[in-house]
Protein backbone atom coordinates (compact mmCIF):
# COMPACT_ATOMS: atom_id res chain seq x y z
CA UNK A 1 -57.90 139.24 -74.20
CA UNK A 2 -58.82 138.26 -70.60
CA UNK A 3 -62.05 139.97 -69.35
CA UNK A 4 -61.85 142.17 -66.29
CA UNK A 5 -63.43 140.74 -63.29
CA UNK A 6 -64.57 144.19 -61.73
CA UNK A 7 -66.45 142.22 -58.85
CA UNK A 8 -62.91 141.05 -57.48
CA UNK A 9 -61.08 144.31 -58.25
CA UNK A 10 -63.64 146.38 -56.30
CA UNK A 11 -63.75 143.88 -53.43
CA UNK A 12 -59.81 143.81 -53.28
CA UNK A 13 -59.58 147.68 -53.12
CA UNK A 14 -61.89 147.43 -50.32
CA UNK A 15 -60.26 144.80 -48.44
CA UNK A 16 -57.04 146.57 -48.89
CA UNK A 17 -58.41 149.81 -47.61
CA UNK A 18 -60.10 148.01 -44.41
CA UNK A 19 -56.71 146.19 -44.00
CA UNK A 20 -54.63 149.36 -44.08
CA UNK A 21 -57.19 151.47 -42.08
CA UNK A 22 -56.87 148.59 -39.17
CA UNK A 23 -53.34 149.53 -38.81
CA UNK A 24 -53.92 153.19 -38.11
CA UNK A 25 -54.59 154.83 -34.61
CA UNK A 26 -57.93 156.55 -35.88
CA UNK A 27 -59.15 153.46 -37.56
CA UNK A 28 -62.46 153.70 -39.34
CA UNK A 29 -64.05 151.60 -42.14
CA UNK A 30 -63.59 153.27 -45.58
CA UNK A 31 -67.13 154.04 -46.31
CA UNK A 32 -67.34 156.25 -43.20
CA UNK A 33 -64.83 158.75 -44.81
CA UNK A 34 -65.86 161.86 -46.07
CA UNK A 35 -69.48 161.32 -44.43
CA UNK A 36 -71.10 164.51 -43.01
CA UNK A 37 -68.78 166.74 -45.62
CA UNK A 38 -69.86 165.32 -48.71
CA UNK A 39 -73.26 164.55 -50.07
CA UNK A 40 -74.11 161.61 -52.25
CA UNK A 41 -72.68 161.49 -55.38
CA UNK A 42 -74.66 162.74 -58.29
CA UNK A 43 -74.62 162.27 -62.15
CA UNK A 44 -73.60 165.66 -63.60
CA UNK A 45 -76.02 165.32 -66.70
CA UNK A 46 -79.06 163.36 -65.26
CA UNK A 47 -78.80 165.09 -61.88
CA UNK A 48 -79.71 161.60 -60.42
CA UNK A 49 -77.76 160.36 -57.24
CA UNK A 50 -76.10 157.03 -57.51
CA UNK A 51 -77.06 154.21 -55.22
CA UNK A 52 -75.65 151.08 -53.78
CA UNK A 53 -72.06 149.84 -54.59
CA UNK A 54 -71.99 152.95 -56.62
CA UNK A 55 -72.01 155.29 -53.40
CA UNK A 56 -68.97 153.42 -52.16
CA UNK A 57 -66.72 153.28 -55.17
CA UNK A 58 -67.58 156.70 -56.14
CA UNK A 59 -67.21 157.62 -52.39
CA UNK A 60 -63.69 156.36 -52.12
CA UNK A 61 -62.63 157.85 -55.56
CA UNK A 62 -64.20 161.21 -54.57
CA UNK A 63 -62.00 161.96 -51.56
CA UNK A 64 -59.28 162.81 -54.20
CA UNK A 65 -61.63 165.62 -55.64
CA UNK A 66 -63.49 168.84 -54.58
CA UNK A 67 -66.74 167.82 -56.32
CA UNK A 68 -69.45 165.10 -56.30
CA UNK A 69 -70.32 165.30 -59.89
CA UNK A 70 -69.56 162.42 -62.07
CA UNK A 71 -70.39 161.55 -65.80
CA UNK A 72 -69.34 158.84 -68.20
CA UNK A 73 -66.74 159.90 -71.15
CA UNK A 74 -69.76 160.06 -73.58
CA UNK A 75 -72.02 162.22 -71.37
CA UNK A 76 -69.20 164.70 -70.81
CA UNK A 77 -68.65 164.73 -74.57
CA UNK A 78 -72.18 165.17 -75.22
CA UNK A 79 -72.23 168.01 -72.84
CA UNK A 80 -69.59 169.79 -74.47
CA UNK A 81 -66.59 169.01 -72.22
CA UNK A 82 -63.58 166.54 -72.57
CA UNK A 83 -62.00 164.41 -70.11
CA UNK A 84 -58.44 165.57 -69.53
CA UNK A 85 -55.63 163.40 -71.08
CA UNK A 86 -54.12 160.65 -68.75
CA UNK A 87 -57.21 160.64 -66.27
CA UNK A 88 -58.65 157.31 -65.00
CA UNK A 89 -62.30 156.83 -64.46
CA UNK A 90 -63.97 155.26 -61.23
CA UNK A 91 -66.04 152.14 -61.95
CA UNK A 92 -69.71 151.97 -61.42
CA UNK A 93 -72.31 149.04 -61.97
CA UNK A 94 -75.27 149.62 -63.84
CA UNK A 95 -78.42 147.57 -63.51
CA UNK A 96 -81.24 146.99 -66.18
CA UNK A 97 -83.69 144.45 -67.23
CA UNK A 98 -83.79 142.17 -70.41
CA UNK A 99 -86.15 139.51 -71.50
CA UNK A 100 -86.06 136.23 -69.54
CA UNK A 101 -84.42 133.39 -71.48
CA UNK A 102 -86.26 130.96 -69.14
CA UNK A 103 -89.68 132.50 -68.13
CA UNK A 104 -89.90 130.01 -65.23
CA UNK A 105 -86.90 131.85 -63.69
CA UNK A 106 -88.04 135.33 -64.68
CA UNK A 107 -87.61 138.03 -61.95
CA UNK A 108 -90.75 139.80 -62.76
CA UNK A 109 -93.57 139.27 -65.41
CA UNK A 110 -95.12 142.31 -66.66
CA UNK A 111 -98.88 143.24 -67.67
CA UNK A 112 -98.48 141.28 -71.09
CA UNK A 113 -97.22 138.15 -69.40
CA UNK A 114 -93.83 138.69 -70.65
CA UNK A 115 -90.96 137.61 -68.27
CA UNK A 116 -87.87 139.80 -67.28
CA UNK A 117 -84.42 139.14 -65.67
CA UNK A 118 -81.98 141.76 -64.44
CA UNK A 119 -78.58 142.19 -65.92
CA UNK A 120 -75.48 144.06 -64.55
CA UNK A 121 -72.99 145.77 -66.28
CA UNK A 122 -70.00 147.93 -65.34
CA UNK A 123 -68.81 151.44 -66.81
CA UNK A 124 -66.40 154.20 -65.75
CA UNK A 125 -67.32 157.62 -64.80
CA UNK A 126 -65.10 160.58 -64.41
CA UNK A 127 -65.36 163.34 -61.91
CA UNK A 128 -65.90 166.95 -62.82
CA UNK A 129 -62.28 167.81 -61.40
CA UNK A 130 -61.06 165.50 -64.22
CA UNK A 131 -62.81 167.43 -67.18
CA UNK A 132 -62.02 170.51 -69.25
CA UNK A 133 -64.84 172.71 -70.03
CA UNK A 134 -67.31 171.33 -67.59
CA UNK A 135 -70.37 173.78 -66.90
CA UNK A 136 -71.42 172.60 -63.10
CA UNK A 137 -73.63 174.42 -60.80
CA UNK A 138 -72.08 175.45 -57.84
CA UNK A 139 -72.87 173.07 -55.09
CA UNK A 140 -75.54 174.67 -52.63
CA UNK A 141 -74.25 176.07 -49.43
CA UNK A 142 -74.44 173.23 -46.89
CA UNK A 143 -76.71 173.55 -43.89
CA UNK A 144 -75.39 174.60 -40.33
CA UNK A 145 -74.44 171.48 -38.22
CA UNK A 146 -77.38 172.59 -36.05
CA UNK A 147 -79.79 172.47 -38.84
CA UNK A 148 -78.48 169.18 -40.04
CA UNK A 149 -78.97 167.68 -36.75
CA UNK A 150 -82.58 169.25 -36.71
CA UNK A 151 -83.27 167.60 -39.90
CA UNK A 152 -81.93 164.35 -38.77
CA UNK A 153 -84.14 164.20 -35.65
CA UNK A 154 -87.08 164.92 -37.75
CA UNK A 155 -85.94 162.37 -40.31
CA UNK A 156 -85.57 159.61 -37.47
CA UNK A 157 -88.99 160.92 -35.75
CA UNK A 158 -90.76 160.32 -39.16
CA UNK A 159 -89.89 156.37 -39.38
CA UNK A 160 -91.99 155.73 -35.95
CA UNK A 161 -89.44 153.71 -34.54
CA UNK A 162 -89.68 153.23 -31.12
CA UNK A 163 -86.38 154.56 -29.35
CA UNK A 164 -85.74 153.98 -25.50
CA UNK A 165 -82.92 156.10 -24.12
CA UNK A 166 -81.13 154.16 -21.26
CA UNK A 167 -78.16 152.01 -20.05
CA UNK A 168 -74.83 152.43 -21.86
CA UNK A 169 -75.23 150.18 -24.99
CA UNK A 170 -76.98 150.54 -28.32
CA UNK A 171 -78.90 147.94 -29.91
CA UNK A 172 -82.03 147.05 -31.67
CA UNK A 173 -84.21 144.08 -30.03
CA UNK A 174 -86.31 142.38 -32.56
CA UNK A 175 -88.21 140.55 -30.06
CA UNK A 176 -89.62 143.82 -28.74
CA UNK A 177 -89.07 145.94 -31.81
CA UNK A 178 -87.33 148.89 -30.41
CA UNK A 179 -84.06 150.47 -30.35
CA UNK A 180 -82.02 150.95 -27.15
CA UNK A 181 -79.48 153.81 -27.14
CA UNK A 182 -77.53 155.71 -24.14
CA UNK A 183 -78.56 159.05 -23.57
CA UNK A 184 -77.22 161.79 -25.86
CA UNK A 185 -75.43 163.19 -22.88
CA UNK A 186 -73.33 160.13 -22.46
CA UNK A 187 -71.56 160.23 -26.07
CA UNK A 188 -68.12 161.80 -26.38
CA UNK A 189 -66.92 164.14 -28.68
CA UNK A 190 -63.68 163.69 -31.03
CA UNK A 191 -61.61 165.81 -32.83
CA UNK A 192 -63.70 165.06 -35.94
CA UNK A 193 -67.28 165.16 -34.83
CA UNK A 194 -69.36 166.49 -31.85
CA UNK A 195 -70.92 164.13 -29.25
CA UNK A 196 -74.38 164.89 -30.71
CA UNK A 197 -73.23 163.79 -34.37
CA UNK A 198 -71.67 160.60 -32.62
CA UNK A 199 -75.35 160.15 -30.95
CA UNK A 200 -76.98 160.50 -34.38
CA UNK A 201 -74.47 158.38 -36.26
CA UNK A 202 -75.08 155.36 -33.51
CA UNK A 203 -78.78 155.89 -34.15
CA UNK A 204 -78.49 155.55 -37.90
CA UNK A 205 -76.63 152.41 -37.47
CA UNK A 206 -79.46 150.93 -35.29
CA UNK A 207 -82.07 152.28 -37.60
CA UNK A 208 -80.40 150.33 -40.32
CA UNK A 209 -80.74 147.22 -38.19
CA UNK A 210 -84.43 148.10 -37.38
CA UNK A 211 -85.43 148.01 -41.03
CA UNK A 212 -84.61 144.19 -41.25
CA UNK A 213 -87.59 143.04 -38.88
CA UNK A 214 -89.58 140.52 -40.35
CA UNK A 215 -92.63 142.89 -40.97
CA UNK A 216 -90.08 145.37 -42.76
CA UNK A 217 -87.32 143.94 -44.95
CA UNK A 218 -87.13 140.62 -43.33
CA UNK A 219 -83.42 140.41 -43.07
CA UNK A 220 -82.83 139.24 -39.66
CA UNK A 221 -83.92 135.39 -39.76
CA UNK A 222 -80.49 133.76 -39.66
CA UNK A 223 -78.44 134.18 -36.48
CA UNK A 224 -75.68 132.38 -37.48
CA UNK A 225 -72.36 133.99 -36.83
CA UNK A 226 -71.30 134.65 -40.42
CA UNK A 227 -74.93 136.06 -40.94
CA UNK A 228 -74.60 138.39 -38.08
CA UNK A 229 -71.33 139.75 -39.26
CA UNK A 230 -73.07 140.35 -42.49
CA UNK A 231 -75.99 142.09 -40.99
CA UNK A 232 -73.44 144.41 -39.16
CA UNK A 233 -71.81 145.12 -42.33
CA UNK A 234 -75.19 146.04 -43.64
CA UNK A 235 -75.68 148.61 -40.84
CA UNK A 236 -72.36 149.86 -41.20
CA UNK A 237 -72.73 150.74 -44.63
CA UNK A 238 -76.59 151.88 -44.04
CA UNK A 239 -75.32 154.40 -41.45
CA UNK A 240 -72.72 155.72 -43.86
CA UNK A 241 -75.37 156.08 -46.50
CA UNK A 242 -77.63 157.79 -44.26
CA UNK A 243 -74.56 160.04 -43.04
CA UNK A 244 -74.44 161.04 -46.55
CA UNK A 245 -78.04 161.72 -46.81
CA UNK A 246 -78.42 163.50 -43.73
CA UNK A 247 -75.10 165.51 -43.68
CA UNK A 248 -74.02 163.60 -40.54
CA UNK A 249 -70.29 162.68 -39.88
CA UNK A 250 -70.32 158.72 -39.23
CA UNK A 251 -67.67 156.42 -37.65
CA UNK A 252 -67.21 152.94 -36.78
CA UNK A 253 -68.01 152.74 -33.06
CA UNK A 254 -65.02 150.97 -31.36
CA UNK A 255 -67.11 147.95 -30.16
CA UNK A 256 -67.83 147.07 -33.95
CA UNK A 257 -64.12 146.39 -34.46
CA UNK A 258 -64.63 142.84 -33.48
CA UNK A 259 -66.58 142.24 -36.69
CA UNK A 260 -63.46 143.07 -38.66
CA UNK A 261 -62.03 139.96 -38.81
CA UNK A 262 -65.40 138.10 -40.03
CA UNK A 263 -65.88 140.97 -42.52
CA UNK A 264 -62.49 140.15 -44.03
CA UNK A 265 -63.14 136.38 -44.13
CA UNK A 266 -66.61 136.99 -45.79
CA UNK A 267 -65.12 139.55 -48.29
CA UNK A 268 -62.24 137.21 -49.29
CA UNK A 269 -64.13 134.41 -49.95
CA UNK A 270 -67.32 135.89 -51.94
CA UNK A 271 -66.10 138.71 -54.26
CA UNK A 272 -69.84 139.68 -54.43
CA UNK A 273 -70.43 139.99 -50.80
CA UNK A 274 -69.85 143.60 -50.63
CA UNK A 275 -72.15 144.34 -53.47
CA UNK A 276 -75.03 142.42 -51.86
CA UNK A 277 -74.27 144.45 -48.50
CA UNK A 278 -74.31 147.61 -50.42
CA UNK A 279 -77.56 146.54 -52.14
CA UNK A 280 -79.41 145.74 -48.94
CA UNK A 281 -78.02 148.98 -47.11
CA UNK A 282 -79.41 151.10 -49.96
CA UNK A 283 -83.04 149.22 -49.63
CA UNK A 284 -83.02 150.16 -45.95
CA UNK A 285 -82.11 153.63 -46.69
CA UNK A 286 -85.16 153.76 -49.37
CA UNK A 287 -87.30 152.17 -46.89
CA UNK A 288 -86.81 154.91 -44.28
CA UNK A 289 -86.55 157.32 -47.00
CA UNK A 290 -90.10 156.16 -48.13
CA UNK A 291 -91.40 157.66 -44.64
CA UNK A 292 -90.30 161.19 -45.18
CA UNK A 293 -92.28 164.00 -46.96
CA UNK A 294 -89.43 164.57 -49.35
CA UNK A 295 -88.31 161.42 -51.18
CA UNK A 296 -84.36 160.99 -52.28
CA UNK A 297 -83.56 161.39 -55.77
CA UNK A 298 -83.71 158.62 -58.28
CA UNK A 299 -80.87 156.52 -59.30
CA UNK A 300 -78.29 157.54 -61.90
């Protein structure tokens, strides 16, 4: 029996969504769909939020459901519920630690001097809407848009990032370690979001770039074209993750559409690229989250 290649399957699915979306008039990257309206996907039994690539895969799958609660077949069964016949689960990736076969290549050494390596495995989870007998707590009433924007403002201020309001372009400049962004009044409202939401969505994108500075996550050394496109991909996904965290509608700015060809080229040549980008985007979110008074929930 041929072993399933989940890396290839998930990447192929994302590539298809990007290519299909690029043909639409209201083009947007798939990871921006549902931001602002939906929170982070959560495990129904552990109450922990999912991270990294799992936010993407469950975010895509979750568009077909009303809830953000997920669990494995066994977890639902142990909770006294049963997955409905004919339902298909969404893939998630689990990361754990195991004793290193080669101590010299261990990723970490514990207090006893033993080496450990990371391992990855895939599983499938089912949404609460696919389950019979699920006892799910009602979702909390979402904050008003004004409250969410107020919270987002405080969240960004807590990072200490230097933000300069000028001009008509948004960018992070590593040499001066500051973010330049147009004045909020210059952002344009759409049918899907207000001009204020557009401002914060752009700021989340640049804030993700900001985390890549050498004295932070050291992600911006390579300025080759391929690496620049990869960094933009990280910032795109990071903005989407922050959008879910802060309840802000995010959307791909029109000037970032120039990267679509480069992104597709990288994704098609490396089935693990999207996993790496999502992991780095998650690290960026956790970096700015650590500067807040209320930390994000642990991974599922």
